[in-house]
Amino acid sequence: MEEIQITPLTIFIIIAVIAVIYVLKGFKIIPQSETRVVERLGRYDRTLKSGINYMLPIIDRAREVVQRDEIIYADGSKSVRMHRTSRIDLREQVYDFPKQSVITKDNVTTTINALLYFQITDPVKSVYEIDNLPNAIEKLTQTTLRNVVGELELDETLTSRDIINSKLRSVLDDATNKWGVKVNRVELQDITPPESVRRTMELQMQAERERRAKVLEAEGQKEAMILKSEGEKQSQINQAEAEKQTQILKAQGEADARVLGATAEAEAIQKVADAIAKSKTDPATYMLLMKYVETLKEIGAGEQAKTVFLPYEASNLVGALGSLTELLDKNKR
């Protein structure tokens, strides 16, 4: 059997290969928005940045942390898996915590599901200040949620989500600050009261809707009656105003007619007076003649008056009246 001779060149090649492997093994490529916490001989040394970094094999070691992964299956179901890794994600992360039962101030057990949005701002604190960061955040969120909801009644819990979210975020942000974590916001997905309470609330909501409908109907009837009375009032006002204007116009017409009649009568009297003055007739005789003529008209207008007897003296009056009429006709011409 032939012996293998190890020459110095062979030893050099072996050492060179081992050195190359050692050197190449120390190169680490860190993706964007990720980092590693490096320990040298068990003590913190540095935090790696994204890009190409170098770690001394055996001497340098990336510290492992617990990471929470949520697995979603094809049927929509979810499961949570905890594992250890040296990778530290610096992006904003969301934890969908399972539903938990909380008791409100009025002793109603309610099931609440919360979402937590947070971001690691200090990788060193997240590694050395807490052992299991995902579990710690989950438990802290659950206990804080119980405390906040325990100060509110059920109705306030259902209608004050923004207030609950704000309180949760403030408390969690203060508590996780020493862990190098920034809690950006907390959202309550579902608030589910017991079935009996839900039925009672549905009955209350139905009664409230019916009450509002009746109130709206009553208000509508009230408005309709008000509008109707206003319309009747305005109609009566307009009618009274029209009657008033009618009476005013009628009175003005009668007054104008009387004025015109009086003017015409005055002109007629003036003409008669002038004629009487020219004919040298006694005015009393003229007036007596006029009354006599009117009386004759009334006598002749009766249905029973077929024959009218006149006294002998009436012929003289009629003759005087004729002469006076001729004189008035001349004056008109």
C-alpha atoms as a PDB file:
ATOM      1  CA  MET A   1       0.000   0.000   0.000  1.00  0.00           C
ATOM      2  CA  GLU A   2       1.438   3.241  -1.122  1.00  0.00           C
ATOM      3  CA  GLU A   3       1.830   5.929   1.509  1.00  0.00           C
ATOM      4  CA  ILE A   4       0.377   9.408   0.912  1.00  0.00           C
ATOM      5  CA  GLN A   5       2.969  12.025   1.374  1.00  0.00           C
ATOM      6  CA  ILE A   6       1.736  15.384   2.740  1.00  0.00           C
ATOM      7  CA  THR A   7       3.888  18.056   1.360  1.00  0.00           C
ATOM      8  CA  PRO A   8       4.108  21.635   2.637  1.00  0.00           C
ATOM      9  CA  LEU A   9       2.288  22.753  -0.505  1.00  0.00           C
ATOM     10  CA  THR A  10      -0.643  20.481   0.298  1.00  0.00           C
ATOM     11  CA  ILE A  11      -0.812  21.816   3.820  1.00  0.00           C
ATOM     12  CA  PHE A  12      -0.744  25.382   2.501  1.00  0.00           C
ATOM     13  CA  ILE A  13      -3.563  24.655   0.062  1.00  0.00           C
ATOM     14  CA  ILE A  14      -5.698  23.106   2.778  1.00  0.00           C
ATOM     15  CA  ILE A  15      -5.083  26.061   5.077  1.00  0.00           C
ATOM     16  CA  ALA A  16      -5.880  28.504   2.253  1.00  0.00           C
ATOM     17  CA  VAL A  17      -9.161  26.730   1.444  1.00  0.00           C
ATOM     18  CA  ILE A  18     -10.171  26.755   5.108  1.00  0.00           C
ATOM     19  CA  ALA A  19      -9.291  30.454   5.358  1.00  0.00           C
ATOM     20  CA  VAL A  20     -11.311  31.278   2.269  1.00  0.00           C
ATOM     21  CA  ILE A  21     -14.283  29.333   3.576  1.00  0.00           C
ATOM     22  CA  TYR A  22     -13.926  31.060   6.929  1.00  0.00           C
ATOM     23  CA  VAL A  23     -13.769  34.483   5.327  1.00  0.00           C
ATOM     24  CA  LEU A  24     -16.662  33.850   2.949  1.00  0.00           C
ATOM     25  CA  LYS A  25     -18.827  32.469   5.707  1.00  0.00           C
ATOM     26  CA  GLY A  26     -18.558  35.765   7.589  1.00  0.00           C
ATOM     27  CA  PHE A  27     -20.270  37.838   4.880  1.00  0.00           C
ATOM     28  CA  LYS A  28     -23.919  38.553   5.601  1.00  0.00           C
ATOM     29  CA  ILE A  29     -26.399  40.362   3.343  1.00  0.00           C
ATOM     30  CA  ILE A  30     -29.094  42.155   5.364  1.00  0.00           C
ATOM     31  CA  PRO A  31     -32.285  43.045   3.429  1.00  0.00           C
ATOM     32  CA  GLN A  32     -33.822  46.508   3.578  1.00  0.00           C
ATOM     33  CA  SER A  33     -35.883  47.272   6.756  1.00  0.00           C
ATOM     34  CA  GLU A  34     -34.208  44.401   8.608  1.00  0.00           C
ATOM     35  CA  THR A  35     -31.330  44.189  11.058  1.00  0.00           C
ATOM     36  CA  ARG A  36     -29.349  41.809  13.267  1.00  0.00           C
ATOM     37  CA  VAL A  37     -28.018  42.264  16.798  1.00  0.00           C
ATOM     38  CA  VAL A  38     -24.446  40.887  16.860  1.00  0.00           C
ATOM     39  CA  GLU A  39     -22.761  39.527  19.982  1.00  0.00           C
ATOM     40  CA  ARG A  40     -19.032  38.925  20.185  1.00  0.00           C
ATOM     41  CA  LEU A  41     -18.077  36.234  22.611  1.00  0.00           C
ATOM     42  CA  GLY A  42     -21.464  36.571  24.337  1.00  0.00           C
ATOM     43  CA  ARG A  43     -21.511  40.363  24.686  1.00  0.00           C
ATOM     44  CA  TYR A  44     -23.325  42.942  22.559  1.00  0.00           C
ATOM     45  CA  ASP A  45     -21.050  44.253  19.849  1.00  0.00           C
ATOM     46  CA  ARG A  46     -23.058  46.061  17.172  1.00  0.00           C
ATOM     47  CA  THR A  47     -26.268  46.283  15.179  1.00  0.00           C
ATOM     48  CA  LEU A  48     -26.004  45.441  11.521  1.00  0.00           C
ATOM     49  CA  LYS A  49     -27.441  47.716   8.851  1.00  0.00           C
ATOM     50  CA  SER A  50     -29.028  46.741   5.559  1.00  0.00           C
ATOM     51  CA  GLY A  51     -26.559  45.750   2.862  1.00  0.00           C
ATOM     52  CA  ILE A  52     -23.330  43.734   3.042  1.00  0.00           C
ATOM     53  CA  ASN A  53     -21.925  43.166   6.525  1.00  0.00           C
ATOM     54  CA  TYR A  54     -19.147  40.990   7.868  1.00  0.00           C
ATOM     55  CA  MET A  55     -19.218  38.835  10.980  1.00  0.00           C
ATOM     56  CA  LEU A  56     -16.302  36.813  12.305  1.00  0.00           C
ATOM     57  CA  PRO A  57     -17.421  33.197  12.301  1.00  0.00           C
ATOM     58  CA  ILE A  58     -17.430  31.455  15.675  1.00  0.00           C
ATOM     59  CA  ILE A  59     -16.496  34.708  17.428  1.00  0.00           C
ATOM     60  CA  ASP A  60     -19.484  36.802  16.286  1.00  0.00           C
ATOM     61  CA  ARG A  61     -23.052  35.511  16.578  1.00  0.00           C
ATOM     62  CA  ALA A  62     -26.428  37.074  15.782  1.00  0.00           C
ATOM     63  CA  ARG A  63     -28.709  37.029  18.807  1.00  0.00           C
ATOM     64  CA  GLU A  64     -31.919  35.084  18.228  1.00  0.00           C
ATOM     65  CA  VAL A  65     -35.326  36.505  19.109  1.00  0.00           C
ATOM     66  CA  VAL A  66     -38.856  35.079  19.178  1.00  0.00           C
ATOM     67  CA  GLN A  67     -40.927  35.903  16.099  1.00  0.00           C
ATOM     68  CA  ARG A  68     -44.668  35.519  15.717  1.00  0.00           C
ATOM     69  CA  ASP A  69     -45.942  34.410  12.311  1.00  0.00           C
ATOM     70  CA  GLU A  70     -49.599  34.265  11.324  1.00  0.00           C
ATOM     71  CA  ILE A  71     -50.480  31.534   8.849  1.00  0.00           C
ATOM     72  CA  ILE A  72     -53.690  31.870   6.801  1.00  0.00           C
ATOM     73  CA  TYR A  73     -55.008  28.690   5.201  1.00  0.00           C
ATOM     74  CA  ALA A  74     -57.048  28.310   2.010  1.00  0.00           C
ATOM     75  CA  ASP A  75     -60.312  27.894   3.923  1.00  0.00           C
ATOM     76  CA  GLY A  76     -59.784  31.254   5.668  1.00  0.00           C
ATOM     77  CA  SER A  77     -58.758  29.830   9.019  1.00  0.00           C
ATOM     78  CA  LYS A  78     -55.721  31.229  10.829  1.00  0.00           C
ATOM     79  CA  SER A  79     -53.034  29.837  13.060  1.00  0.00           C
ATOM     80  CA  VAL A  80     -50.153  31.459  14.920  1.00  0.00           C
ATOM     81  CA  ARG A  81     -46.631  30.009  14.975  1.00  0.00           C
ATOM     82  CA  MET A  82     -43.843  31.075  17.287  1.00  0.00           C
ATOM     83  CA  HIS A  83     -40.239  30.410  16.280  1.00  0.00           C
ATOM     84  CA  ARG A  84     -36.773  31.737  16.986  1.00  0.00           C
ATOM     85  CA  THR A  85     -34.789  33.689  14.415  1.00  0.00           C
ATOM     86  CA  SER A  86     -31.974  36.226  14.274  1.00  0.00           C
ATOM     87  CA  ARG A  87     -33.944  38.366  11.832  1.00  0.00           C
ATOM     88  CA  ILE A  88     -35.437  41.563  13.310  1.00  0.00           C
ATOM     89  CA  ASP A  89     -38.066  43.240  11.138  1.00  0.00           C
ATOM     90  CA  LEU A  90     -38.105  47.049  11.446  1.00  0.00           C
ATOM     91  CA  ARG A  91     -41.310  47.541   9.430  1.00  0.00           C
ATOM     92  CA  GLU A  92     -44.679  48.246  11.017  1.00  0.00           C
ATOM     93  CA  GLN A  93     -46.277  44.992  12.076  1.00  0.00           C
ATOM     94  CA  VAL A  94     -49.845  44.065  12.911  1.00  0.00           C
ATOM     95  CA  TYR A  95     -50.944  41.526  15.477  1.00  0.00           C
ATOM     96  CA  ASP A  96     -54.453  40.140  15.232  1.00  0.00           C
ATOM     97  CA  PHE A  97     -55.095  38.905  18.742  1.00  0.00           C
ATOM     98  CA  PRO A  98     -57.681  36.203  19.379  1.00  0.00           C
ATOM     99  CA  LYS A  99     -61.041  37.153  20.848  1.00  0.00           C
ATOM    100  CA  GLN A 100     -61.170  37.565  24.587  1.00  0.00           C
ATOM    101  CA  SER A 101     -63.918  38.084  27.121  1.00  0.00           C
ATOM    102  CA  VAL A 102     -63.993  41.314  29.114  1.00  0.00           C
ATOM    103  CA  ILE A 103     -66.431  42.550  31.739  1.00  0.00           C
ATOM    104  CA  THR A 104     -67.855  46.063  31.457  1.00  0.00           C
ATOM    105  CA  LYS A 105     -68.624  48.415  34.320  1.00  0.00           C
ATOM    106  CA  ASP A 106     -72.267  47.259  34.417  1.00  0.00           C
ATOM    107  CA  ASN A 107     -71.148  43.588  34.695  1.00  0.00           C
ATOM    108  CA  VAL A 108     -71.838  42.517  31.104  1.00  0.00           C
ATOM    109  CA  THR A 109     -69.427  39.956  29.660  1.00  0.00           C
ATOM    110  CA  THR A 110     -68.428  41.044  26.162  1.00  0.00           C
ATOM    111  CA  THR A 111     -66.165  39.426  23.563  1.00  0.00           C
ATOM    112  CA  ILE A 112     -63.683  41.797  21.915  1.00  0.00           C
ATOM    113  CA  ASN A 113     -61.187  41.275  19.103  1.00  0.00           C
ATOM    114  CA  ALA A 114     -58.346  43.789  18.785  1.00  0.00           C
ATOM    115  CA  LEU A 115     -55.704  44.686  16.216  1.00  0.00           C
ATOM    116  CA  LEU A 116     -52.357  46.141  17.281  1.00  0.00           C
ATOM    117  CA  TYR A 117     -50.058  48.076  14.949  1.00  0.00           C
ATOM    118  CA  PHE A 118     -46.519  48.517  16.268  1.00  0.00           C
ATOM    119  CA  GLN A 119     -42.952  49.038  15.056  1.00  0.00           C
ATOM    120  CA  ILE A 120     -39.562  48.200  16.551  1.00  0.00           C
ATOM    121  CA  THR A 121     -37.591  51.427  16.888  1.00  0.00           C
ATOM    122  CA  ASP A 122     -34.682  50.168  19.032  1.00  0.00           C
ATOM    123  CA  PRO A 123     -33.554  46.610  18.149  1.00  0.00           C
ATOM    124  CA  VAL A 124     -31.150  46.415  21.078  1.00  0.00           C
ATOM    125  CA  LYS A 125     -33.888  47.106  23.660  1.00  0.00           C
ATOM    126  CA  SER A 126     -36.291  44.706  21.926  1.00  0.00           C
ATOM    127  CA  VAL A 127     -33.665  41.963  22.334  1.00  0.00           C
ATOM    128  CA  TYR A 128     -32.255  42.621  25.797  1.00  0.00           C
ATOM    129  CA  GLU A 129     -35.157  44.271  27.685  1.00  0.00           C
ATOM    130  CA  ILE A 130     -37.743  41.537  27.064  1.00  0.00           C
ATOM    131  CA  ASP A 131     -37.429  37.817  26.432  1.00  0.00           C
ATOM    132  CA  ASN A 132     -40.514  37.074  24.329  1.00  0.00           C
ATOM    133  CA  LEU A 133     -41.624  40.352  22.746  1.00  0.00           C
ATOM    134  CA  PRO A 134     -44.715  39.073  20.813  1.00  0.00           C
ATOM    135  CA  ASN A 135     -46.069  37.247  23.856  1.00  0.00           C
ATOM    136  CA  ALA A 136     -45.394  40.236  26.102  1.00  0.00           C
ATOM    137  CA  ILE A 137     -47.209  42.622  23.724  1.00  0.00           C
ATOM    138  CA  GLU A 138     -50.168  40.259  23.464  1.00  0.00           C
ATOM    139  CA  LYS A 139     -50.557  39.826  27.225  1.00  0.00           C
ATOM    140  CA  LEU A 140     -50.090  43.534  27.851  1.00  0.00           C
ATOM    141  CA  THR A 141     -52.749  44.358  25.264  1.00  0.00           C
ATOM    142  CA  GLN A 142     -55.209  41.909  26.802  1.00  0.00           C
ATOM    143  CA  THR A 143     -54.778  43.191  30.363  1.00  0.00           C
ATOM    144  CA  THR A 144     -54.898  46.838  29.250  1.00  0.00           C
ATOM    145  CA  LEU A 145     -58.051  46.167  27.233  1.00  0.00           C
ATOM    146  CA  ARG A 146     -59.720  44.607  30.278  1.00  0.00           C
ATOM    147  CA  ASN A 147     -58.817  47.629  32.402  1.00  0.00           C
ATOM    148  CA  VAL A 148     -60.049  50.188  29.864  1.00  0.00           C
ATOM    149  CA  VAL A 149     -63.324  48.406  29.079  1.00  0.00           C
ATOM    150  CA  GLY A 150     -63.914  47.729  32.787  1.00  0.00           C
ATOM    151  CA  GLU A 151     -64.227  51.489  33.316  1.00  0.00           C
ATOM    152  CA  LEU A 152     -67.015  51.810  30.724  1.00  0.00           C
ATOM    153  CA  GLU A 153     -70.590  50.599  30.579  1.00  0.00           C
ATOM    154  CA  LEU A 154     -71.789  48.454  27.691  1.00  0.00           C
ATOM    155  CA  ASP A 155     -73.461  51.323  25.807  1.00  0.00           C
ATOM    156  CA  GLU A 156     -70.324  53.442  26.136  1.00  0.00           C
ATOM    157  CA  THR A 157     -68.179  50.520  24.986  1.00  0.00           C
ATOM    158  CA  LEU A 158     -70.263  50.080  21.837  1.00  0.00           C
ATOM    159  CA  THR A 159     -70.325  53.786  20.966  1.00  0.00           C
ATOM    160  CA  SER A 160     -66.856  54.877  22.134  1.00  0.00           C
ATOM    161  CA  ARG A 161     -64.444  52.848  20.033  1.00  0.00           C
ATOM    162  CA  ASP A 162     -62.301  55.857  19.255  1.00  0.00           C
ATOM    163  CA  ILE A 163     -61.941  56.646  22.963  1.00  0.00           C
ATOM    164  CA  ILE A 164     -61.020  53.040  23.761  1.00  0.00           C
ATOM    165  CA  ASN A 165     -58.504  52.939  20.898  1.00  0.00           C
ATOM    166  CA  SER A 166     -56.910  56.170  22.055  1.00  0.00           C
ATOM    167  CA  LYS A 167     -56.601  54.998  25.679  1.00  0.00           C
ATOM    168  CA  LEU A 168     -55.195  51.632  24.642  1.00  0.00           C
ATOM    169  CA  ARG A 169     -52.621  53.200  22.338  1.00  0.00           C
ATOM    170  CA  SER A 170     -51.495  55.670  25.001  1.00  0.00           C
ATOM    171  CA  VAL A 171     -51.093  53.032  27.725  1.00  0.00           C
ATOM    172  CA  LEU A 172     -49.417  50.480  25.452  1.00  0.00           C
ATOM    173  CA  ASP A 173     -47.064  53.040  23.961  1.00  0.00           C
ATOM    174  CA  ASP A 174     -45.873  54.105  27.412  1.00  0.00           C
ATOM    175  CA  ALA A 175     -45.456  50.506  28.581  1.00  0.00           C
ATOM    176  CA  THR A 176     -43.608  49.271  25.478  1.00  0.00           C
ATOM    177  CA  ASN A 177     -41.313  52.260  25.196  1.00  0.00           C
ATOM    178  CA  LYS A 178     -38.658  50.574  27.371  1.00  0.00           C
ATOM    179  CA  TRP A 179     -38.798  47.568  25.015  1.00  0.00           C
ATOM    180  CA  GLY A 180     -37.843  49.738  22.035  1.00  0.00           C
ATOM    181  CA  VAL A 181     -41.321  49.416  20.514  1.00  0.00           C
ATOM    182  CA  LYS A 182     -43.589  52.171  19.206  1.00  0.00           C
ATOM    183  CA  VAL A 183     -47.333  51.401  19.265  1.00  0.00           C
ATOM    184  CA  ASN A 184     -48.861  53.382  16.407  1.00  0.00           C
ATOM    185  CA  ARG A 185     -52.531  52.519  16.820  1.00  0.00           C
ATOM    186  CA  VAL A 186     -54.973  50.010  18.242  1.00  0.00           C
ATOM    187  CA  GLU A 187     -58.225  49.034  16.508  1.00  0.00           C
ATOM    188  CA  LEU A 188     -61.172  47.124  17.948  1.00  0.00           C
ATOM    189  CA  GLN A 189     -62.511  44.806  15.259  1.00  0.00           C
ATOM    190  CA  ASP A 190     -65.539  43.268  16.919  1.00  0.00           C
ATOM    191  CA  ILE A 191     -67.429  43.967  20.120  1.00  0.00           C
ATOM    192  CA  THR A 192     -69.878  41.131  20.646  1.00  0.00           C
ATOM    193  CA  PRO A 193     -72.214  41.265  23.661  1.00  0.00           C
ATOM    194  CA  PRO A 194     -74.112  38.145  24.834  1.00  0.00           C
ATOM    195  CA  GLU A 195     -77.079  36.907  22.802  1.00  0.00           C
ATOM    196  CA  SER A 196     -79.615  37.930  25.461  1.00  0.00           C
ATOM    197  CA  VAL A 197     -78.171  41.425  25.585  1.00  0.00           C
ATOM    198  CA  ARG A 198     -78.222  41.657  21.783  1.00  0.00           C
ATOM    199  CA  ARG A 199     -81.901  40.708  21.689  1.00  0.00           C
ATOM    200  CA  THR A 200     -82.689  43.303  24.340  1.00  0.00           C
ATOM    201  CA  MET A 201     -80.729  45.927  22.424  1.00  0.00           C
ATOM    202  CA  GLU A 202     -82.576  45.054  19.215  1.00  0.00           C
ATOM    203  CA  LEU A 203     -85.916  45.495  20.995  1.00  0.00           C
ATOM    204  CA  GLN A 204     -84.730  48.818  22.396  1.00  0.00           C
ATOM    205  CA  MET A 205     -83.587  49.964  18.970  1.00  0.00           C
ATOM    206  CA  GLN A 206     -86.912  48.922  17.435  1.00  0.00           C
ATOM    207  CA  ALA A 207     -88.842  50.770  20.150  1.00  0.00           C
ATOM    208  CA  GLU A 208     -86.636  53.820  19.650  1.00  0.00           C
ATOM    209  CA  ARG A 209     -87.241  53.752  15.885  1.00  0.00           C
ATOM    210  CA  GLU A 210     -90.998  53.502  16.437  1.00  0.00           C
ATOM    211  CA  ARG A 211     -90.861  56.384  18.907  1.00  0.00           C
ATOM    212  CA  ARG A 212     -88.914  58.516  16.434  1.00  0.00           C
ATOM    213  CA  ALA A 213     -91.379  57.642  13.682  1.00  0.00           C
ATOM    214  CA  LYS A 214     -94.306  58.701  15.865  1.00  0.00           C
ATOM    215  CA  VAL A 215     -92.529  61.892  16.859  1.00  0.00           C
ATOM    216  CA  LEU A 216     -91.798  62.701  13.221  1.00  0.00           C
ATOM    217  CA  GLU A 217     -95.410  61.961  12.269  1.00  0.00           C
ATOM    218  CA  ALA A 218     -96.706  64.181  15.084  1.00  0.00           C
ATOM    219  CA  GLU A 219     -94.323  66.957  14.092  1.00  0.00           C
ATOM    220  CA  GLY A 220     -95.463  66.608  10.476  1.00  0.00           C
ATOM    221  CA  GLN A 221     -99.128  66.871  11.478  1.00  0.00           C
ATOM    222  CA  LYS A 222     -98.315  69.851  13.657  1.00  0.00           C
ATOM    223  CA  GLU A 223     -96.494  71.588  10.810  1.00  0.00           C
ATOM    224  CA  ALA A 224     -99.363  70.789   8.445  1.00  0.00           C
ATOM    225  CA  MET A 225    -101.936  72.257  10.840  1.00  0.00           C
ATOM    226  CA  ILE A 226     -99.791  75.347  11.338  1.00  0.00           C
ATOM    227  CA  LEU A 227     -99.405  75.818   7.602  1.00  0.00           C
ATOM    228  CA  LYS A 228    -103.129  75.248   7.067  1.00  0.00           C
ATOM    229  CA  SER A 229    -104.080  77.795   9.759  1.00  0.00           C
ATOM    230  CA  GLU A 230    -101.562  80.261   8.349  1.00  0.00           C
ATOM    231  CA  GLY A 231    -103.080  79.777   4.917  1.00  0.00           C
ATOM    232  CA  GLU A 232    -106.616  80.288   6.217  1.00  0.00           C
ATOM    233  CA  LYS A 233    -105.482  83.353   8.138  1.00  0.00           C
ATOM    234  CA  GLN A 234    -103.824  84.817   5.065  1.00  0.00           C
ATOM    235  CA  SER A 235    -106.888  83.994   2.972  1.00  0.00           C
ATOM    236  CA  GLN A 236    -109.184  85.782   5.426  1.00  0.00           C
ATOM    237  CA  ILE A 237    -106.825  88.758   5.515  1.00  0.00           C
ATOM    238  CA  ASN A 238    -106.750  88.892   1.730  1.00  0.00           C
ATOM    239  CA  GLN A 239    -110.552  88.564   1.551  1.00  0.00           C
ATOM    240  CA  ALA A 240    -111.054  91.323   4.127  1.00  0.00           C
ATOM    241  CA  GLU A 241    -108.574  93.496   2.281  1.00  0.00           C
ATOM    242  CA  ALA A 242    -110.444  92.889  -0.987  1.00  0.00           C
ATOM    243  CA  GLU A 243    -113.804  93.728   0.626  1.00  0.00           C
ATOM    244  CA  LYS A 244    -112.270  96.843   2.117  1.00  0.00           C
ATOM    245  CA  GLN A 245    -110.926  97.954  -1.257  1.00  0.00           C
ATOM    246  CA  THR A 246    -114.284  97.161  -2.852  1.00  0.00           C
ATOM    247  CA  GLN A 247    -116.183  99.248  -0.307  1.00  0.00           C
ATOM    248  CA  ILE A 248    -113.679 102.076  -0.668  1.00  0.00           C
ATOM    249  CA  LEU A 249    -113.984 102.043  -4.440  1.00  0.00           C
ATOM    250  CA  LYS A 250    -117.778 101.789  -4.211  1.00  0.00           C
ATOM    251  CA  ALA A 251    -117.935 104.708  -1.764  1.00  0.00           C
ATOM    252  CA  GLN A 252    -115.622 106.734  -3.976  1.00  0.00           C
ATOM    253  CA  GLY A 253    -117.821 105.952  -6.981  1.00  0.00           C
ATOM    254  CA  GLU A 254    -120.981 106.938  -5.126  1.00  0.00           C
ATOM    255  CA  ALA A 255    -119.309 110.119  -3.908  1.00  0.00           C
ATOM    256  CA  ASP A 256    -118.137 110.964  -7.422  1.00  0.00           C
ATOM    257  CA  ALA A 257    -121.628 110.227  -8.738  1.00  0.00           C
ATOM    258  CA  ARG A 258    -123.195 112.463  -6.128  1.00  0.00           C
ATOM    259  CA  VAL A 259    -120.708 115.205  -6.900  1.00  0.00           C
ATOM    260  CA  LEU A 260    -121.409 114.924 -10.611  1.00  0.00           C
ATOM    261  CA  GLY A 261    -125.179 114.832  -9.906  1.00  0.00           C
ATOM    262  CA  ALA A 262    -124.977 117.837  -7.637  1.00  0.00           C
ATOM    263  CA  THR A 263    -122.902 119.705 -10.211  1.00  0.00           C
ATOM    264  CA  ALA A 264    -125.378 118.905 -12.943  1.00  0.00           C
ATOM    265  CA  GLU A 265    -128.295 119.833 -10.718  1.00  0.00           C
ATOM    266  CA  ALA A 266    -126.587 123.082  -9.757  1.00  0.00           C
ATOM    267  CA  GLU A 267    -126.034 123.909 -13.418  1.00  0.00           C
ATOM    268  CA  ALA A 268    -129.640 123.055 -14.157  1.00  0.00           C
ATOM    269  CA  ILE A 269    -130.884 125.203 -11.282  1.00  0.00           C
ATOM    270  CA  GLN A 270    -128.664 128.043 -12.446  1.00  0.00           C
ATOM    271  CA  LYS A 271    -130.069 127.807 -15.955  1.00  0.00           C
ATOM    272  CA  VAL A 272    -133.603 127.622 -14.616  1.00  0.00           C
ATOM    273  CA  ALA A 273    -132.954 130.624 -12.430  1.00  0.00           C
ATOM    274  CA  ASP A 274    -131.587 132.552 -15.413  1.00  0.00           C
ATOM    275  CA  ALA A 275    -134.601 131.585 -17.477  1.00  0.00           C
ATOM    276  CA  ILE A 276    -136.993 132.555 -14.702  1.00  0.00           C
ATOM    277  CA  ALA A 277    -135.231 135.869 -14.383  1.00  0.00           C
ATOM    278  CA  LYS A 278    -135.594 136.547 -18.129  1.00  0.00           C
ATOM    279  CA  SER A 279    -139.231 135.401 -18.218  1.00  0.00           C
ATOM    280  CA  LYS A 280    -140.056 137.428 -15.141  1.00  0.00           C
ATOM    281  CA  THR A 281    -141.818 134.395 -13.673  1.00  0.00           C
ATOM    282  CA  ASP A 282    -142.256 133.968  -9.946  1.00  0.00           C
ATOM    283  CA  PRO A 283    -139.808 131.283  -8.660  1.00  0.00           C
ATOM    284  CA  ALA A 284    -142.486 130.002  -6.274  1.00  0.00           C
ATOM    285  CA  THR A 285    -144.761 129.436  -9.213  1.00  0.00           C
ATOM    286  CA  TYR A 286    -142.015 127.493 -10.975  1.00  0.00           C
ATOM    287  CA  MET A 287    -141.463 125.285  -7.984  1.00  0.00           C
ATOM    288  CA  LEU A 288    -145.187 124.691  -7.670  1.00  0.00           C
ATOM    289  CA  LEU A 289    -145.322 123.739 -11.353  1.00  0.00           C
ATOM    290  CA  MET A 290    -142.487 121.238 -10.927  1.00  0.00           C
ATOM    291  CA  LYS A 291    -144.179 119.598  -7.957  1.00  0.00           C
ATOM    292  CA  TYR A 292    -147.420 119.552  -9.871  1.00  0.00           C
ATOM    293  CA  VAL A 293    -145.796 117.786 -12.841  1.00  0.00           C
ATOM    294  CA  GLU A 294    -144.171 115.189 -10.555  1.00  0.00           C
ATOM    295  CA  THR A 295    -147.497 114.526  -8.917  1.00  0.00           C
ATOM    296  CA  LEU A 296    -149.113 114.031 -12.307  1.00  0.00           C
ATOM    297  CA  LYS A 297    -146.415 111.509 -13.219  1.00  0.00           C
ATOM    298  CA  GLU A 298    -147.093 109.521 -10.060  1.00  0.00           C
ATOM    299  CA  ILE A 299    -150.841 109.572 -10.698  1.00  0.00           C
ATOM    300  CA  GLY A 300    -150.435 108.417 -14.275  1.00  0.00           C
ATOM    301  CA  ALA A 301    -147.991 105.686 -13.365  1.00  0.00           C
ATOM    302  CA  GLY A 302    -150.555 103.697 -11.357  1.00  0.00           C
ATOM    303  CA  GLU A 303    -152.124 100.555 -12.874  1.00  0.00           C
ATOM    304  CA  GLN A 304    -155.673 101.671 -11.896  1.00  0.00           C
ATOM    305  CA  ALA A 305    -155.285 105.173 -13.382  1.00  0.00           C
ATOM    306  CA  LYS A 306    -156.925 104.938 -16.795  1.00  0.00           C
ATOM    307  CA  THR A 307    -158.523 108.383 -16.624  1.00  0.00           C
ATOM    308  CA  VAL A 308    -157.081 111.441 -14.830  1.00  0.00           C
ATOM    309  CA  PHE A 309    -159.221 114.534 -14.102  1.00  0.00           C
ATOM    310  CA  LEU A 310    -157.466 117.880 -13.861  1.00  0.00           C
ATOM    311  CA  PRO A 311    -158.929 121.040 -12.315  1.00  0.00           C
ATOM    312  CA  TYR A 312    -159.582 124.051 -14.467  1.00  0.00           C
ATOM    313  CA  GLU A 313    -156.851 126.054 -12.829  1.00  0.00           C
ATOM    314  CA  ALA A 314    -154.272 123.527 -13.995  1.00  0.00           C
ATOM    315  CA  SER A 315    -154.492 124.794 -17.563  1.00  0.00           C
ATOM    316  CA  ASN A 316    -152.947 128.105 -16.583  1.00  0.00           C
ATOM    317  CA  LEU A 317    -150.114 126.346 -14.825  1.00  0.00           C
ATOM    318  CA  VAL A 318    -149.495 124.132 -17.814  1.00  0.00           C
ATOM    319  CA  GLY A 319    -149.397 127.129 -20.088  1.00  0.00           C
ATOM    320  CA  ALA A 320    -146.873 128.861 -17.870  1.00  0.00           C
ATOM    321  CA  LEU A 321    -144.815 125.723 -17.768  1.00  0.00           C
ATOM    322  CA  GLY A 322    -144.830 125.515 -21.567  1.00  0.00           C
ATOM    323  CA  SER A 323    -143.629 129.068 -21.976  1.00  0.00           C
ATOM    324  CA  LEU A 324    -140.910 128.450 -19.442  1.00  0.00           C
ATOM    325  CA  THR A 325    -139.824 125.318 -21.309  1.00  0.00           C
ATOM    326  CA  GLU A 326    -139.566 127.211 -24.570  1.00  0.00           C
ATOM    327  CA  LEU A 327    -137.443 129.849 -22.885  1.00  0.00           C
ATOM    328  CA  LEU A 328    -135.070 127.154 -21.494  1.00  0.00           C
ATOM    329  CA  ASP A 329    -134.753 125.628 -24.950  1.00  0.00           C
ATOM    330  CA  LYS A 330    -133.748 128.981 -26.403  1.00  0.00           C
ATOM    331  CA  ASN A 331    -131.124 129.428 -23.740  1.00  0.00           C
ATOM    332  CA  LYS A 332    -129.678 126.018 -24.550  1.00  0.00           C
ATOM    333  CA  ARG A 333    -129.366 126.941 -28.199  1.00  0.00           C
END
